[in-house]
N, C-alpha and C. Protein backbone atom coordinates (compact mmCIF):
# COMPACT_ATOMS: atom_id res chain seq x y z
N MET A 1 9.62 10.81 9.69
CA MET A 1 8.59 11.30 8.81
C MET A 1 7.22 11.25 9.46
N GLY A 2 7.09 10.47 10.48
CA GLY A 2 5.80 10.34 11.13
C GLY A 2 4.92 9.36 10.37
N PRO A 3 3.72 9.11 10.89
CA PRO A 3 2.82 8.17 10.22
C PRO A 3 2.28 8.75 8.92
N TYR A 4 2.07 7.86 7.96
CA TYR A 4 1.45 8.25 6.69
C TYR A 4 0.84 6.99 6.08
N ARG A 5 0.00 7.20 5.08
CA ARG A 5 -0.62 6.07 4.39
C ARG A 5 0.01 5.94 3.01
N GLU A 6 0.01 4.70 2.49
CA GLU A 6 0.54 4.48 1.16
C GLU A 6 -0.16 3.31 0.50
N VAL A 7 -0.15 3.34 -0.82
CA VAL A 7 -0.58 2.22 -1.64
C VAL A 7 0.50 2.03 -2.69
N PHE A 8 0.84 0.77 -2.98
CA PHE A 8 1.90 0.56 -3.97
C PHE A 8 1.69 -0.76 -4.71
N ALA A 9 2.29 -0.82 -5.88
CA ALA A 9 2.40 -2.06 -6.63
C ALA A 9 3.83 -2.51 -6.46
N GLY A 10 4.04 -3.73 -6.03
CA GLY A 10 5.37 -4.23 -5.79
C GLY A 10 5.49 -5.69 -6.17
N PRO A 11 5.57 -5.98 -7.46
CA PRO A 11 5.68 -7.39 -7.86
C PRO A 11 6.98 -8.01 -7.38
N LEU A 12 6.88 -9.26 -6.94
CA LEU A 12 8.07 -10.00 -6.53
C LEU A 12 8.82 -10.45 -7.78
N LEU A 13 10.13 -10.28 -7.75
CA LEU A 13 10.99 -10.72 -8.84
C LEU A 13 11.66 -12.02 -8.42
N ARG A 14 12.07 -12.79 -9.37
CA ARG A 14 12.83 -13.99 -9.04
C ARG A 14 14.18 -13.52 -8.54
N GLY A 15 14.48 -13.84 -7.31
CA GLY A 15 15.67 -13.29 -6.70
C GLY A 15 16.64 -14.35 -6.24
N THR A 16 17.30 -14.00 -5.17
CA THR A 16 18.30 -14.88 -4.59
C THR A 16 17.68 -15.56 -3.40
N VAL A 17 18.40 -15.60 -2.30
CA VAL A 17 17.90 -16.25 -1.09
C VAL A 17 16.69 -15.50 -0.54
N LEU A 18 16.75 -14.16 -0.54
CA LEU A 18 15.64 -13.35 -0.04
C LEU A 18 14.70 -12.97 -1.19
N PRO A 19 13.40 -12.79 -0.90
CA PRO A 19 12.51 -12.30 -1.95
C PRO A 19 12.95 -10.90 -2.39
N VAL A 20 12.83 -10.62 -3.69
CA VAL A 20 13.23 -9.32 -4.25
C VAL A 20 11.99 -8.67 -4.84
N VAL A 21 11.77 -7.38 -4.50
CA VAL A 21 10.61 -6.65 -4.99
C VAL A 21 11.08 -5.38 -5.69
N HIS A 22 10.39 -5.02 -6.77
CA HIS A 22 10.61 -3.75 -7.46
C HIS A 22 9.29 -2.99 -7.39
N VAL A 23 9.33 -1.70 -7.07
CA VAL A 23 8.12 -0.89 -6.89
C VAL A 23 8.02 0.12 -8.03
N PRO A 24 7.16 -0.16 -9.05
CA PRO A 24 7.00 0.79 -10.15
C PRO A 24 6.01 1.91 -9.84
N PHE A 25 5.18 1.73 -8.79
CA PHE A 25 4.19 2.74 -8.43
C PHE A 25 4.01 2.75 -6.93
N ILE A 26 4.04 3.96 -6.33
CA ILE A 26 3.78 4.10 -4.90
C ILE A 26 3.22 5.50 -4.67
N ALA A 27 2.08 5.57 -3.99
CA ALA A 27 1.44 6.85 -3.68
C ALA A 27 1.28 6.98 -2.17
N VAL A 28 1.53 8.18 -1.66
CA VAL A 28 1.48 8.45 -0.22
C VAL A 28 0.74 9.75 0.05
N ASP A 29 0.38 9.97 1.31
CA ASP A 29 -0.31 11.22 1.67
C ASP A 29 0.58 12.15 2.49
N SER A 30 1.89 12.09 2.25
CA SER A 30 2.85 12.87 3.03
C SER A 30 3.96 13.40 2.12
N LEU A 31 4.11 14.73 2.07
CA LEU A 31 5.20 15.32 1.28
C LEU A 31 6.58 14.90 1.76
N PRO A 32 6.84 14.84 3.10
CA PRO A 32 8.16 14.36 3.54
C PRO A 32 8.44 12.93 3.07
N SER A 33 7.40 12.07 3.03
CA SER A 33 7.58 10.71 2.54
C SER A 33 7.90 10.68 1.05
N VAL A 34 7.23 11.55 0.27
CA VAL A 34 7.53 11.65 -1.16
C VAL A 34 9.01 12.00 -1.33
N HIS A 35 9.47 13.03 -0.64
CA HIS A 35 10.85 13.47 -0.76
C HIS A 35 11.83 12.38 -0.32
N GLY A 36 11.60 11.81 0.86
CA GLY A 36 12.50 10.79 1.39
C GLY A 36 12.58 9.56 0.51
N GLY A 37 11.44 9.10 0.02
CA GLY A 37 11.43 7.92 -0.84
C GLY A 37 12.16 8.13 -2.15
N ARG A 38 11.97 9.31 -2.72
CA ARG A 38 12.66 9.61 -3.99
C ARG A 38 14.16 9.81 -3.78
N ALA A 39 14.53 10.58 -2.75
CA ALA A 39 15.93 10.93 -2.53
C ALA A 39 16.78 9.76 -2.05
N HIS A 40 16.24 8.92 -1.17
CA HIS A 40 17.06 7.89 -0.53
C HIS A 40 16.94 6.50 -1.15
N TRP A 41 15.78 6.17 -1.74
CA TRP A 41 15.57 4.81 -2.24
C TRP A 41 15.15 4.75 -3.71
N SER A 42 15.14 5.86 -4.39
CA SER A 42 14.72 5.91 -5.80
C SER A 42 13.31 5.38 -6.01
N LEU A 43 12.46 5.53 -5.01
CA LEU A 43 11.06 5.11 -5.14
C LEU A 43 10.28 6.20 -5.87
N PRO A 44 9.45 5.83 -6.83
CA PRO A 44 8.70 6.81 -7.62
C PRO A 44 7.45 7.30 -6.89
N LYS A 45 7.64 7.81 -5.68
CA LYS A 45 6.49 8.23 -4.87
C LYS A 45 5.79 9.44 -5.47
N THR A 46 4.46 9.43 -5.35
CA THR A 46 3.63 10.54 -5.78
C THR A 46 2.64 10.85 -4.68
N LEU A 47 2.20 12.08 -4.62
CA LEU A 47 1.26 12.50 -3.59
C LEU A 47 -0.16 12.10 -3.98
N ALA A 48 -0.96 11.65 -3.00
CA ALA A 48 -2.32 11.19 -3.26
C ALA A 48 -3.24 11.57 -2.10
N ARG A 49 -4.54 11.47 -2.37
CA ARG A 49 -5.56 11.68 -1.36
C ARG A 49 -6.21 10.34 -1.03
N PHE A 50 -6.34 10.03 0.24
CA PHE A 50 -6.94 8.78 0.70
C PHE A 50 -8.32 9.07 1.28
N SER A 51 -9.29 8.21 0.97
CA SER A 51 -10.62 8.35 1.56
C SER A 51 -10.52 8.12 3.06
N ALA A 52 -11.55 8.50 3.80
CA ALA A 52 -11.54 8.36 5.26
C ALA A 52 -11.31 6.91 5.68
N ASP A 53 -11.87 5.96 4.94
CA ASP A 53 -11.68 4.55 5.30
C ASP A 53 -10.41 3.95 4.69
N GLY A 54 -9.69 4.73 3.88
CA GLY A 54 -8.43 4.28 3.30
C GLY A 54 -8.57 3.33 2.13
N ARG A 55 -9.78 3.08 1.68
CA ARG A 55 -10.00 2.10 0.61
C ARG A 55 -9.93 2.69 -0.79
N THR A 56 -10.03 4.00 -0.91
CA THR A 56 -9.95 4.65 -2.21
C THR A 56 -8.85 5.70 -2.17
N VAL A 57 -8.01 5.68 -3.19
CA VAL A 57 -6.88 6.60 -3.28
C VAL A 57 -6.96 7.28 -4.64
N THR A 58 -6.81 8.61 -4.64
CA THR A 58 -6.88 9.35 -5.90
C THR A 58 -5.68 10.25 -6.05
N GLY A 59 -5.28 10.41 -7.30
CA GLY A 59 -4.16 11.28 -7.64
C GLY A 59 -4.48 12.04 -8.90
N ASP A 60 -3.48 12.58 -9.53
CA ASP A 60 -3.65 13.38 -10.73
C ASP A 60 -3.96 12.48 -11.93
N GLY A 61 -5.25 12.32 -12.24
CA GLY A 61 -5.68 11.52 -13.38
C GLY A 61 -5.77 10.02 -13.14
N TRP A 62 -5.75 9.60 -11.89
CA TRP A 62 -5.85 8.17 -11.59
C TRP A 62 -6.56 7.94 -10.27
N SER A 63 -7.04 6.71 -10.07
CA SER A 63 -7.61 6.31 -8.78
C SER A 63 -7.46 4.80 -8.61
N VAL A 64 -7.44 4.38 -7.36
CA VAL A 64 -7.36 2.97 -7.01
C VAL A 64 -8.34 2.73 -5.87
N ALA A 65 -9.19 1.72 -6.03
CA ALA A 65 -10.10 1.31 -4.96
C ALA A 65 -9.74 -0.14 -4.59
N VAL A 66 -9.60 -0.41 -3.29
CA VAL A 66 -9.17 -1.73 -2.83
C VAL A 66 -10.10 -2.19 -1.71
N THR A 67 -10.56 -3.43 -1.82
CA THR A 67 -11.28 -4.07 -0.72
C THR A 67 -10.64 -5.43 -0.49
N ALA A 68 -10.61 -5.86 0.75
CA ALA A 68 -9.98 -7.14 1.08
C ALA A 68 -10.90 -7.96 1.97
N GLN A 69 -11.02 -9.24 1.64
CA GLN A 69 -11.74 -10.18 2.49
C GLN A 69 -10.68 -11.03 3.19
N GLU A 70 -10.47 -10.76 4.46
CA GLU A 70 -9.46 -11.51 5.21
C GLU A 70 -9.99 -12.90 5.52
N ARG A 71 -9.08 -13.87 5.51
CA ARG A 71 -9.45 -15.27 5.76
C ARG A 71 -8.41 -15.91 6.67
N GLY A 72 -8.90 -16.78 7.55
CA GLY A 72 -7.98 -17.54 8.39
C GLY A 72 -7.50 -16.74 9.58
N PRO A 73 -6.62 -17.37 10.37
CA PRO A 73 -6.13 -16.73 11.60
C PRO A 73 -5.13 -15.62 11.31
N ARG A 74 -5.01 -14.68 12.26
CA ARG A 74 -3.99 -13.64 12.20
C ARG A 74 -2.68 -14.30 12.65
N LEU A 75 -1.66 -14.17 11.81
CA LEU A 75 -0.38 -14.84 12.07
C LEU A 75 0.76 -13.83 12.12
N PRO A 76 1.85 -14.18 12.78
CA PRO A 76 3.01 -13.29 12.76
C PRO A 76 3.56 -13.17 11.33
N VAL A 77 3.94 -11.96 10.96
CA VAL A 77 4.58 -11.71 9.68
C VAL A 77 5.95 -11.12 10.02
N ARG A 78 6.99 -11.81 9.61
CA ARG A 78 8.32 -11.36 9.97
C ARG A 78 9.31 -11.81 8.91
N GLY A 79 10.22 -10.94 8.61
CA GLY A 79 11.27 -11.37 7.71
C GLY A 79 11.81 -10.26 6.86
N PRO A 80 12.92 -10.56 6.24
CA PRO A 80 13.53 -9.58 5.34
C PRO A 80 13.12 -9.83 3.89
N LEU A 81 13.21 -8.78 3.10
CA LEU A 81 13.14 -8.89 1.65
C LEU A 81 14.04 -7.81 1.09
N VAL A 82 14.26 -7.81 -0.20
CA VAL A 82 15.17 -6.87 -0.83
C VAL A 82 14.39 -5.99 -1.79
N ASN A 83 14.59 -4.66 -1.69
CA ASN A 83 14.01 -3.72 -2.64
C ASN A 83 15.05 -3.43 -3.71
N ALA A 84 14.65 -3.60 -4.98
CA ALA A 84 15.56 -3.41 -6.10
C ALA A 84 15.04 -2.32 -7.02
N GLN A 85 15.27 -1.07 -6.67
CA GLN A 85 14.85 0.05 -7.51
C GLN A 85 15.90 0.40 -8.56
N THR A 86 17.15 0.24 -8.21
CA THR A 86 18.27 0.52 -9.12
C THR A 86 19.21 -0.67 -9.03
N GLU A 87 20.46 -0.50 -9.49
CA GLU A 87 21.42 -1.59 -9.33
C GLU A 87 21.73 -1.82 -7.86
N GLN A 88 21.54 -0.78 -7.04
CA GLN A 88 21.74 -0.93 -5.60
C GLN A 88 20.52 -1.61 -4.99
N ARG A 89 20.74 -2.28 -3.89
CA ARG A 89 19.67 -3.01 -3.21
C ARG A 89 19.51 -2.48 -1.79
N ALA A 90 18.25 -2.44 -1.31
CA ALA A 90 17.98 -2.04 0.07
C ALA A 90 17.26 -3.19 0.77
N VAL A 91 17.77 -3.60 1.92
CA VAL A 91 17.12 -4.66 2.69
C VAL A 91 15.97 -4.04 3.48
N VAL A 92 14.82 -4.69 3.42
CA VAL A 92 13.61 -4.24 4.09
C VAL A 92 13.28 -5.27 5.17
N SER A 93 13.13 -4.81 6.42
CA SER A 93 12.76 -5.69 7.52
C SER A 93 11.30 -5.45 7.86
N LEU A 94 10.55 -6.52 7.96
CA LEU A 94 9.12 -6.45 8.23
C LEU A 94 8.83 -7.23 9.50
N ARG A 95 8.02 -6.61 10.41
CA ARG A 95 7.62 -7.28 11.65
C ARG A 95 6.20 -6.85 11.98
N GLY A 96 5.31 -7.80 12.11
CA GLY A 96 3.92 -7.48 12.44
C GLY A 96 3.05 -8.71 12.45
N ARG A 97 1.77 -8.50 12.17
CA ARG A 97 0.80 -9.58 12.12
C ARG A 97 -0.05 -9.40 10.86
N GLY A 98 -0.51 -10.51 10.32
CA GLY A 98 -1.31 -10.41 9.11
C GLY A 98 -2.19 -11.62 8.88
N ARG A 99 -3.11 -11.45 7.94
CA ARG A 99 -4.00 -12.54 7.54
C ARG A 99 -4.02 -12.62 6.02
N LEU A 100 -4.12 -13.83 5.51
CA LEU A 100 -4.29 -14.00 4.08
C LEU A 100 -5.61 -13.36 3.67
N ALA A 101 -5.70 -12.93 2.42
CA ALA A 101 -6.92 -12.24 1.98
C ALA A 101 -7.12 -12.42 0.47
N ARG A 102 -8.36 -12.22 0.05
CA ARG A 102 -8.69 -12.05 -1.37
C ARG A 102 -8.85 -10.55 -1.54
N VAL A 103 -8.08 -9.96 -2.43
CA VAL A 103 -8.04 -8.51 -2.58
C VAL A 103 -8.62 -8.13 -3.94
N ARG A 104 -9.62 -7.25 -3.91
CA ARG A 104 -10.25 -6.75 -5.14
C ARG A 104 -9.69 -5.36 -5.42
N VAL A 105 -9.12 -5.18 -6.60
CA VAL A 105 -8.50 -3.92 -7.00
C VAL A 105 -9.24 -3.38 -8.22
N VAL A 106 -9.61 -2.09 -8.16
CA VAL A 106 -10.16 -1.39 -9.33
C VAL A 106 -9.26 -0.19 -9.56
N ALA A 107 -8.46 -0.24 -10.63
CA ALA A 107 -7.52 0.83 -10.96
C ALA A 107 -8.04 1.58 -12.17
N GLU A 108 -8.06 2.90 -12.08
CA GLU A 108 -8.48 3.77 -13.18
C GLU A 108 -7.33 4.68 -13.56
N GLY A 109 -7.20 4.93 -14.84
CA GLY A 109 -6.12 5.76 -15.34
C GLY A 109 -5.25 4.90 -16.25
N LEU A 110 -4.78 5.48 -17.30
CA LEU A 110 -4.09 4.74 -18.35
C LEU A 110 -2.94 3.88 -17.84
N VAL A 111 -2.06 4.42 -17.02
CA VAL A 111 -0.87 3.68 -16.58
C VAL A 111 -1.19 2.67 -15.49
N LEU A 112 -2.07 3.02 -14.55
CA LEU A 112 -2.29 2.15 -13.40
C LEU A 112 -2.92 0.82 -13.74
N ARG A 113 -3.74 0.75 -14.75
CA ARG A 113 -4.40 -0.52 -15.07
C ARG A 113 -3.38 -1.64 -15.29
N GLY A 114 -2.27 -1.35 -15.92
CA GLY A 114 -1.24 -2.36 -16.15
C GLY A 114 -0.43 -2.69 -14.91
N TRP A 115 -0.14 -1.69 -14.10
CA TRP A 115 0.69 -1.91 -12.92
C TRP A 115 -0.06 -2.57 -11.78
N LEU A 116 -1.31 -2.20 -11.56
CA LEU A 116 -2.02 -2.68 -10.38
C LEU A 116 -2.98 -3.82 -10.65
N GLY A 117 -3.19 -4.20 -11.88
CA GLY A 117 -3.97 -5.40 -12.18
C GLY A 117 -5.37 -5.38 -11.63
N THR A 118 -6.28 -4.61 -12.26
CA THR A 118 -7.68 -4.63 -11.84
C THR A 118 -8.17 -6.06 -11.83
N GLY A 119 -8.85 -6.42 -10.75
CA GLY A 119 -9.37 -7.78 -10.58
C GLY A 119 -9.20 -8.25 -9.15
N THR A 120 -9.38 -9.54 -8.94
CA THR A 120 -9.25 -10.14 -7.61
C THR A 120 -7.96 -10.94 -7.55
N HIS A 121 -7.20 -10.73 -6.47
CA HIS A 121 -5.88 -11.34 -6.35
C HIS A 121 -5.69 -11.90 -4.94
N PRO A 122 -4.82 -12.90 -4.77
CA PRO A 122 -4.45 -13.31 -3.42
C PRO A 122 -3.60 -12.20 -2.80
N GLY A 123 -3.73 -12.01 -1.51
CA GLY A 123 -2.97 -10.96 -0.87
C GLY A 123 -2.77 -11.21 0.61
N LEU A 124 -2.22 -10.22 1.26
CA LEU A 124 -1.97 -10.26 2.70
C LEU A 124 -2.34 -8.90 3.27
N VAL A 125 -3.16 -8.91 4.31
CA VAL A 125 -3.48 -7.68 5.04
C VAL A 125 -2.63 -7.71 6.30
N ALA A 126 -1.71 -6.75 6.41
CA ALA A 126 -0.75 -6.78 7.51
C ALA A 126 -0.68 -5.43 8.20
N GLU A 127 -0.32 -5.48 9.47
CA GLU A 127 -0.05 -4.30 10.28
C GLU A 127 1.27 -4.55 10.98
N GLY A 128 2.06 -3.49 11.14
CA GLY A 128 3.30 -3.67 11.85
C GLY A 128 4.31 -2.60 11.51
N HIS A 129 5.56 -2.95 11.60
CA HIS A 129 6.66 -2.01 11.37
C HIS A 129 7.49 -2.50 10.19
N LEU A 130 7.86 -1.54 9.36
CA LEU A 130 8.68 -1.81 8.18
C LEU A 130 9.86 -0.86 8.23
N VAL A 131 11.06 -1.40 8.15
CA VAL A 131 12.27 -0.58 8.17
C VAL A 131 13.04 -0.84 6.88
N VAL A 132 13.32 0.22 6.14
CA VAL A 132 14.07 0.11 4.88
C VAL A 132 15.46 0.65 5.11
N GLN A 133 16.46 -0.20 4.94
CA GLN A 133 17.85 0.22 5.14
C GLN A 133 18.34 1.02 3.94
N ALA A 134 19.44 1.70 4.10
CA ALA A 134 20.05 2.47 3.00
C ALA A 134 20.47 1.50 1.90
N PRO A 135 20.29 1.91 0.63
CA PRO A 135 20.72 1.05 -0.48
C PRO A 135 22.23 0.82 -0.47
N ARG A 136 22.63 -0.37 -0.91
CA ARG A 136 24.06 -0.69 -1.03
C ARG A 136 24.33 -1.25 -2.40
C-alpha cells in the first residue's frame, strides 16, 4: 500500500496473555489503505485530510487535533498485541522506538467526542514498523 498517515482510537481491552485492542475509529489518507483495512481486517477505516504537520485531521463532519509533549528517553518499542475487530483475532507485531508523552486531544463531531476522549491523556509517541497478520 505504500506509506500513509493514520489516526485511530484503539482502547485496550482486558485480554489474555497479549494485550487486546479494538479499533472503533480509524482515519487514513490513502484509498488503498481504506480498502485493505476494511476488506482484510474489518477495520472501519475512513478517508481523511491531514495538515502539513500531521497534527490536525479532518473528515466528513469531524476533526481531531493532537499535540504531544514527549518526556524521558527514547526507548525500544517491541512486541505483539492482538486486534479484535470481530470474533476472529489478528496478531499485530510492533517494532520501533518511542517515548512516553502527555497527549492533548481535541475531537469535534458528534461521534468522535466519545471515542477519542477530548482532553489530556498518557500516551506513547512511536516510530517504526507495524505488521498486522491475517485474522484467524
